[in-house]
Amino acid sequence: MLRQRPHRTARNVLLHPALGWFALAALYFAGCVLNFMLSMSTARVWPLVLSGTLGVIAALCVFAAGRSLRR
């Protein structure tokens, strides 16, 4: 006879180890987009550099989340 699969509860989804990394990546990505928009509206270079740095950090957070999903 077939076993029933366990149901995912909201508590289990919120306690997943990858969720924190994905949330952190979303925050860094939002900062990246906002700094990119700031660099387009001004003639300064530093917001563009900061935007690139935040984009790299967001990509590293997504990479870490992917690693914790495979565990």
PDB file of N, CA and C in Angstrom:
ATOM      1  N   MET A   1       0.834  -1.174   0.000  1.00  0.00           N
ATOM      2  CA  MET A   1       0.000   0.000   0.000  1.00  0.00           C
ATOM      3  C   MET A   1       0.890   1.252   0.000  1.00  0.00           C
ATOM      4  N   LEU A   2       0.427   2.281  -0.646  1.00  0.00           N
ATOM      5  CA  LEU A   2       1.208   3.500  -0.766  1.00  0.00           C
ATOM      6  C   LEU A   2       1.155   4.319   0.516  1.00  0.00           C
ATOM      7  N   ARG A   3       2.307   4.889   0.853  1.00  0.00           N
ATOM      8  CA  ARG A   3       2.344   5.782   2.006  1.00  0.00           C
ATOM      9  C   ARG A   3       1.900   7.162   1.579  1.00  0.00           C
ATOM     10  N   GLN A   4       1.277   7.872   2.486  1.00  0.00           N
ATOM     11  CA  GLN A   4       0.912   9.247   2.194  1.00  0.00           C
ATOM     12  C   GLN A   4       2.134  10.129   2.383  1.00  0.00           C
ATOM     13  N   ARG A   5       2.294  11.090   1.481  1.00  0.00           N
ATOM     14  CA  ARG A   5       3.412  12.029   1.580  1.00  0.00           C
ATOM     15  C   ARG A   5       3.126  13.039   2.682  1.00  0.00           C
ATOM     16  N   PRO A   6       4.146  13.429   3.410  1.00  0.00           N
ATOM     17  CA  PRO A   6       3.912  14.441   4.464  1.00  0.00           C
ATOM     18  C   PRO A   6       3.560  15.785   3.835  1.00  0.00           C
ATOM     19  N   HIS A   7       2.650  16.474   4.464  1.00  0.00           N
ATOM     20  CA  HIS A   7       2.217  17.770   3.966  1.00  0.00           C
ATOM     21  C   HIS A   7       3.191  18.844   4.428  1.00  0.00           C
ATOM     22  N   ARG A   8       3.425  19.810   3.559  1.00  0.00           N
ATOM     23  CA  ARG A   8       4.266  20.942   3.940  1.00  0.00           C
ATOM     24  C   ARG A   8       3.415  21.948   4.692  1.00  0.00           C
ATOM     25  N   THR A   9       3.865  22.284   5.859  1.00  0.00           N
ATOM     26  CA  THR A   9       3.170  23.297   6.628  1.00  0.00           C
ATOM     27  C   THR A   9       3.917  24.617   6.479  1.00  0.00           C
ATOM     28  N   ALA A  10       3.255  25.690   6.821  1.00  0.00           N
ATOM     29  CA  ALA A  10       3.879  27.012   6.724  1.00  0.00           C
ATOM     30  C   ALA A  10       5.082  27.102   7.658  1.00  0.00           C
ATOM     31  N   ARG A  11       5.012  26.437   8.781  1.00  0.00           N
ATOM     32  CA  ARG A  11       6.129  26.457   9.734  1.00  0.00           C
ATOM     33  C   ARG A  11       7.363  25.791   9.136  1.00  0.00           C
ATOM     34  N   ASN A  12       7.169  24.674   8.438  1.00  0.00           N
ATOM     35  CA  ASN A  12       8.303  23.990   7.821  1.00  0.00           C
ATOM     36  C   ASN A  12       8.910  24.819   6.692  1.00  0.00           C
ATOM     37  N   VAL A  13       8.092  25.510   5.948  1.00  0.00           N
ATOM     38  CA  VAL A  13       8.597  26.346   4.863  1.00  0.00           C
ATOM     39  C   VAL A  13       9.383  27.517   5.434  1.00  0.00           C
ATOM     40  N   LEU A  14       8.881  28.125   6.504  1.00  0.00           N
ATOM     41  CA  LEU A  14       9.571  29.266   7.107  1.00  0.00           C
ATOM     42  C   LEU A  14      10.860  28.870   7.811  1.00  0.00           C
ATOM     43  N   LEU A  15      10.957  27.634   8.243  1.00  0.00           N
ATOM     44  CA  LEU A  15      12.161  27.177   8.934  1.00  0.00           C
ATOM     45  C   LEU A  15      13.182  26.553   7.986  1.00  0.00           C
ATOM     46  N   HIS A  16      12.913  26.562   6.698  1.00  0.00           N
ATOM     47  CA  HIS A  16      13.847  25.972   5.742  1.00  0.00           C
ATOM     48  C   HIS A  16      15.135  26.792   5.716  1.00  0.00           C
ATOM     49  N   PRO A  17      16.295  26.142   5.678  1.00  0.00           N
ATOM     50  CA  PRO A  17      17.555  26.878   5.738  1.00  0.00           C
ATOM     51  C   PRO A  17      17.797  27.797   4.544  1.00  0.00           C
ATOM     52  N   ALA A  18      17.229  27.498   3.400  1.00  0.00           N
ATOM     53  CA  ALA A  18      17.475  28.317   2.206  1.00  0.00           C
ATOM     54  C   ALA A  18      16.648  29.599   2.216  1.00  0.00           C
ATOM     55  N   LEU A  19      15.600  29.663   3.006  1.00  0.00           N
ATOM     56  CA  LEU A  19      14.732  30.836   2.991  1.00  0.00           C
ATOM     57  C   LEU A  19      15.468  32.100   3.434  1.00  0.00           C
ATOM     58  N   GLY A  20      16.317  31.988   4.419  1.00  0.00           N
ATOM     59  CA  GLY A  20      17.077  33.146   4.887  1.00  0.00           C
ATOM     60  C   GLY A  20      18.012  33.678   3.814  1.00  0.00           C
ATOM     61  N   TRP A  21      18.657  32.765   3.091  1.00  0.00           N
ATOM     62  CA  TRP A  21      19.548  33.196   2.016  1.00  0.00           C
ATOM     63  C   TRP A  21      18.779  33.863   0.893  1.00  0.00           C
ATOM     64  N   PHE A  22      17.594  33.309   0.547  1.00  0.00           N
ATOM     65  CA  PHE A  22      16.791  33.922  -0.510  1.00  0.00           C
ATOM     66  C   PHE A  22      16.266  35.298  -0.087  1.00  0.00           C
ATOM     67  N   ALA A  23      15.887  35.447   1.178  1.00  0.00           N
ATOM     68  CA  ALA A  23      15.421  36.746   1.663  1.00  0.00           C
ATOM     69  C   ALA A  23      16.562  37.766   1.651  1.00  0.00           C
ATOM     70  N   LEU A  24      17.742  37.347   2.052  1.00  0.00           N
ATOM     71  CA  LEU A  24      18.891  38.240   2.028  1.00  0.00           C
ATOM     72  C   LEU A  24      19.252  38.634   0.598  1.00  0.00           C
ATOM     73  N   ALA A  25      19.155  37.684  -0.321  1.00  0.00           N
ATOM     74  CA  ALA A  25      19.427  37.980  -1.730  1.00  0.00           C
ATOM     75  C   ALA A  25      18.406  38.966  -2.287  1.00  0.00           C
ATOM     76  N   ALA A  26      17.150  38.839  -1.878  1.00  0.00           N
ATOM     77  CA  ALA A  26      16.125  39.772  -2.346  1.00  0.00           C
ATOM     78  C   ALA A  26      16.408  41.189  -1.840  1.00  0.00           C
ATOM     79  N   LEU A  27      16.852  41.309  -0.598  1.00  0.00           N
ATOM     80  CA  LEU A  27      17.178  42.635  -0.065  1.00  0.00           C
ATOM     81  C   LEU A  27      18.383  43.247  -0.786  1.00  0.00           C
ATOM     82  N   TYR A  28      19.411  42.451  -1.012  1.00  0.00           N
ATOM     83  CA  TYR A  28      20.574  42.957  -1.747  1.00  0.00           C
ATOM     84  C   TYR A  28      20.210  43.326  -3.179  1.00  0.00           C
ATOM     85  N   PHE A  29      19.339  42.532  -3.805  1.00  0.00           N
ATOM     86  CA  PHE A  29      18.925  42.834  -5.174  1.00  0.00           C
ATOM     87  C   PHE A  29      18.124  44.133  -5.227  1.00  0.00           C
ATOM     88  N   ALA A  30      17.267  44.359  -4.230  1.00  0.00           N
ATOM     89  CA  ALA A  30      16.511  45.619  -4.174  1.00  0.00           C
ATOM     90  C   ALA A  30      17.468  46.802  -4.012  1.00  0.00           C
ATOM     91  N   GLY A  31      18.479  46.646  -3.177  1.00  0.00           N
ATOM     92  CA  GLY A  31      19.477  47.697  -3.034  1.00  0.00           C
ATOM     93  C   GLY A  31      20.254  47.913  -4.321  1.00  0.00           C
ATOM     94  N   CYS A  32      20.520  46.853  -5.038  1.00  0.00           N
ATOM     95  CA  CYS A  32      21.219  46.943  -6.313  1.00  0.00           C
ATOM     96  C   CYS A  32      20.397  47.741  -7.326  1.00  0.00           C
ATOM     97  N   VAL A  33      19.116  47.439  -7.411  1.00  0.00           N
ATOM     98  CA  VAL A  33      18.243  48.147  -8.359  1.00  0.00           C
ATOM     99  C   VAL A  33      18.114  49.614  -7.982  1.00  0.00           C
ATOM    100  N   LEU A  34      17.934  49.901  -6.696  1.00  0.00           N
ATOM    101  CA  LEU A  34      17.800  51.292  -6.269  1.00  0.00           C
ATOM    102  C   LEU A  34      19.072  52.093  -6.521  1.00  0.00           C
ATOM    103  N   ASN A  35      20.219  51.510  -6.271  1.00  0.00           N
ATOM    104  CA  ASN A  35      21.474  52.218  -6.542  1.00  0.00           C
ATOM    105  C   ASN A  35      21.708  52.390  -8.033  1.00  0.00           C
ATOM    106  N   PHE A  36      21.272  51.438  -8.836  1.00  0.00           N
ATOM    107  CA  PHE A  36      21.390  51.585 -10.284  1.00  0.00           C
ATOM    108  C   PHE A  36      20.513  52.737 -10.780  1.00  0.00           C
ATOM    109  N   MET A  37      19.297  52.832 -10.227  1.00  0.00           N
ATOM    110  CA  MET A  37      18.423  53.943 -10.597  1.00  0.00           C
ATOM    111  C   MET A  37      19.020  55.271 -10.149  1.00  0.00           C
ATOM    112  N   LEU A  38      19.647  55.302  -8.981  1.00  0.00           N
ATOM    113  CA  LEU A  38      20.306  56.507  -8.499  1.00  0.00           C
ATOM    114  C   LEU A  38      21.473  56.896  -9.408  1.00  0.00           C
ATOM    115  N   SER A  39      22.218  55.915  -9.869  1.00  0.00           N
ATOM    116  CA  SER A  39      23.349  56.228 -10.741  1.00  0.00           C
ATOM    117  C   SER A  39      22.884  56.734 -12.104  1.00  0.00           C
ATOM    118  N   MET A  40      21.715  56.319 -12.545  1.00  0.00           N
ATOM    119  CA  MET A  40      21.191  56.819 -13.818  1.00  0.00           C
ATOM    120  C   MET A  40      20.674  58.254 -13.690  1.00  0.00           C
ATOM    121  N   SER A  41      20.213  58.627 -12.500  1.00  0.00           N
ATOM    122  CA  SER A  41      19.657  59.965 -12.327  1.00  0.00           C
ATOM    123  C   SER A  41      20.713  61.003 -11.946  1.00  0.00           C
ATOM    124  N   THR A  42      21.901  60.560 -11.565  1.00  0.00           N
ATOM    125  CA  THR A  42      22.974  61.494 -11.223  1.00  0.00           C
ATOM    126  C   THR A  42      24.163  61.249 -12.143  1.00  0.00           C
ATOM    127  N   ALA A  43      25.096  62.127 -12.084  1.00  0.00           N
ATOM    128  CA  ALA A  43      26.306  61.997 -12.906  1.00  0.00           C
ATOM    129  C   ALA A  43      27.451  61.415 -12.079  1.00  0.00           C
ATOM    130  N   ARG A  44      27.146  60.727 -11.033  1.00  0.00           N
ATOM    131  CA  ARG A  44      28.171  60.152 -10.154  1.00  0.00           C
ATOM    132  C   ARG A  44      28.445  58.695 -10.551  1.00  0.00           C
ATOM    133  N   VAL A  45      29.635  58.238 -10.216  1.00  0.00           N
ATOM    134  CA  VAL A  45      30.031  56.872 -10.554  1.00  0.00           C
ATOM    135  C   VAL A  45      29.853  55.930  -9.364  1.00  0.00           C
ATOM    136  N   TRP A  46      29.951  56.442  -8.139  1.00  0.00           N
ATOM    137  CA  TRP A  46      29.938  55.561  -6.974  1.00  0.00           C
ATOM    138  C   TRP A  46      28.641  54.770  -6.806  1.00  0.00           C
ATOM    139  N   PRO A  47      27.444  55.307  -7.189  1.00  0.00           N
ATOM    140  CA  PRO A  47      26.268  54.442  -7.052  1.00  0.00           C
ATOM    141  C   PRO A  47      26.307  53.243  -8.006  1.00  0.00           C
ATOM    142  N   LEU A  48      26.943  53.421  -9.162  1.00  0.00           N
ATOM    143  CA  LEU A  48      27.050  52.316 -10.115  1.00  0.00           C
ATOM    144  C   LEU A  48      28.002  51.242  -9.582  1.00  0.00           C
ATOM    145  N   VAL A  49      29.089  51.666  -8.963  1.00  0.00           N
ATOM    146  CA  VAL A  49      30.028  50.712  -8.365  1.00  0.00           C
ATOM    147  C   VAL A  49      29.356  49.973  -7.209  1.00  0.00           C
ATOM    148  N   LEU A  50      28.643  50.704  -6.387  1.00  0.00           N
ATOM    149  CA  LEU A  50      27.923  50.082  -5.272  1.00  0.00           C
ATOM    150  C   LEU A  50      26.845  49.135  -5.776  1.00  0.00           C
ATOM    151  N   SER A  51      26.184  49.506  -6.859  1.00  0.00           N
ATOM    152  CA  SER A  51      25.163  48.645  -7.443  1.00  0.00           C
ATOM    153  C   SER A  51      25.766  47.335  -7.933  1.00  0.00           C
ATOM    154  N   GLY A  52      26.917  47.406  -8.571  1.00  0.00           N
ATOM    155  CA  GLY A  52      27.591  46.187  -9.018  1.00  0.00           C
ATOM    156  C   GLY A  52      28.009  45.301  -7.861  1.00  0.00           C
ATOM    157  N   THR A  53      28.518  45.921  -6.804  1.00  0.00           N
ATOM    158  CA  THR A  53      28.919  45.166  -5.619  1.00  0.00           C
ATOM    159  C   THR A  53      27.727  44.474  -4.976  1.00  0.00           C
ATOM    160  N   LEU A  54      26.617  45.192  -4.844  1.00  0.00           N
ATOM    161  CA  LEU A  54      25.410  44.590  -4.264  1.00  0.00           C
ATOM    162  C   LEU A  54      24.865  43.471  -5.149  1.00  0.00           C
ATOM    163  N   GLY A  55      24.991  43.623  -6.457  1.00  0.00           N
ATOM    164  CA  GLY A  55      24.552  42.569  -7.368  1.00  0.00           C
ATOM    165  C   GLY A  55      25.378  41.301  -7.211  1.00  0.00           C
ATOM    166  N   VAL A  56      26.687  41.467  -7.025  1.00  0.00           N
ATOM    167  CA  VAL A  56      27.554  40.303  -6.813  1.00  0.00           C
ATOM    168  C   VAL A  56      27.221  39.623  -5.486  1.00  0.00           C
ATOM    169  N   ILE A  57      26.979  40.412  -4.457  1.00  0.00           N
ATOM    170  CA  ILE A  57      26.618  39.835  -3.155  1.00  0.00           C
ATOM    171  C   ILE A  57      25.282  39.106  -3.248  1.00  0.00           C
ATOM    172  N   ALA A  58      24.318  39.670  -3.987  1.00  0.00           N
ATOM    173  CA  ALA A  58      23.031  38.992  -4.160  1.00  0.00           C
ATOM    174  C   ALA A  58      23.209  37.665  -4.888  1.00  0.00           C
ATOM    175  N   ALA A  59      24.075  37.635  -5.895  1.00  0.00           N
ATOM    176  CA  ALA A  59      24.323  36.387  -6.623  1.00  0.00           C
ATOM    177  C   ALA A  59      24.982  35.346  -5.718  1.00  0.00           C
ATOM    178  N   LEU A  60      25.888  35.791  -4.844  1.00  0.00           N
ATOM    179  CA  LEU A  60      26.510  34.863  -3.902  1.00  0.00           C
ATOM    180  C   LEU A  60      25.495  34.311  -2.900  1.00  0.00           C
ATOM    181  N   CYS A  61      24.530  35.136  -2.497  1.00  0.00           N
ATOM    182  CA  CYS A  61      23.484  34.665  -1.582  1.00  0.00           C
ATOM    183  C   CYS A  61      22.602  33.627  -2.261  1.00  0.00           C
ATOM    184  N   VAL A  62      22.288  33.842  -3.536  1.00  0.00           N
ATOM    185  CA  VAL A  62      21.486  32.855  -4.277  1.00  0.00           C
ATOM    186  C   VAL A  62      22.273  31.558  -4.430  1.00  0.00           C
ATOM    187  N   PHE A  63      23.570  31.668  -4.674  1.00  0.00           N
ATOM    188  CA  PHE A  63      24.414  30.482  -4.769  1.00  0.00           C
ATOM    189  C   PHE A  63      24.423  29.712  -3.447  1.00  0.00           C
ATOM    190  N   ALA A  64      24.529  30.420  -2.336  1.00  0.00           N
ATOM    191  CA  ALA A  64      24.504  29.762  -1.013  1.00  0.00           C
ATOM    192  C   ALA A  64      23.156  29.116  -0.737  1.00  0.00           C
ATOM    193  N   ALA A  65      22.076  29.764  -1.187  1.00  0.00           N
ATOM    194  CA  ALA A  65      20.745  29.176  -1.004  1.00  0.00           C
ATOM    195  C   ALA A  65      20.613  27.908  -1.842  1.00  0.00           C
ATOM    196  N   GLY A  66      21.153  27.921  -3.039  1.00  0.00           N
ATOM    197  CA  GLY A  66      21.117  26.730  -3.869  1.00  0.00           C
ATOM    198  C   GLY A  66      21.890  25.577  -3.254  1.00  0.00           C
ATOM    199  N   ARG A  67      23.009  25.891  -2.625  1.00  0.00           N
ATOM    200  CA  ARG A  67      23.789  24.836  -1.950  1.00  0.00           C
ATOM    201  C   ARG A  67      23.020  24.258  -0.771  1.00  0.00           C
ATOM    202  N   SER A  68      22.305  25.111  -0.032  1.00  0.00           N
ATOM    203  CA  SER A  68      21.558  24.585   1.124  1.00  0.00           C
ATOM    204  C   SER A  68      20.297  23.836   0.687  1.00  0.00           C
ATOM    205  N   LEU A  69      19.814  24.110  -0.529  1.00  0.00           N
ATOM    206  CA  LEU A  69      18.677  23.335  -1.041  1.00  0.00           C
ATOM    207  C   LEU A  69      19.099  21.920  -1.413  1.00  0.00           C
ATOM    208  N   ARG A  70      20.334  21.757  -1.877  1.00  0.00           N
ATOM    209  CA  ARG A  70      20.805  20.421  -2.290  1.00  0.00           C
ATOM    210  C   ARG A  70      21.159  19.518  -1.140  1.00  0.00           C
ATOM    211  N   ARG A  71      21.294  20.049   0.065  1.00  0.00           N
ATOM    212  CA  ARG A  71      21.634  19.225   1.228  1.00  0.00           C
ATOM    213  C   ARG A  71      20.514  18.336   1.644  1.00  0.00           C
TER     214      ARG A  71
END
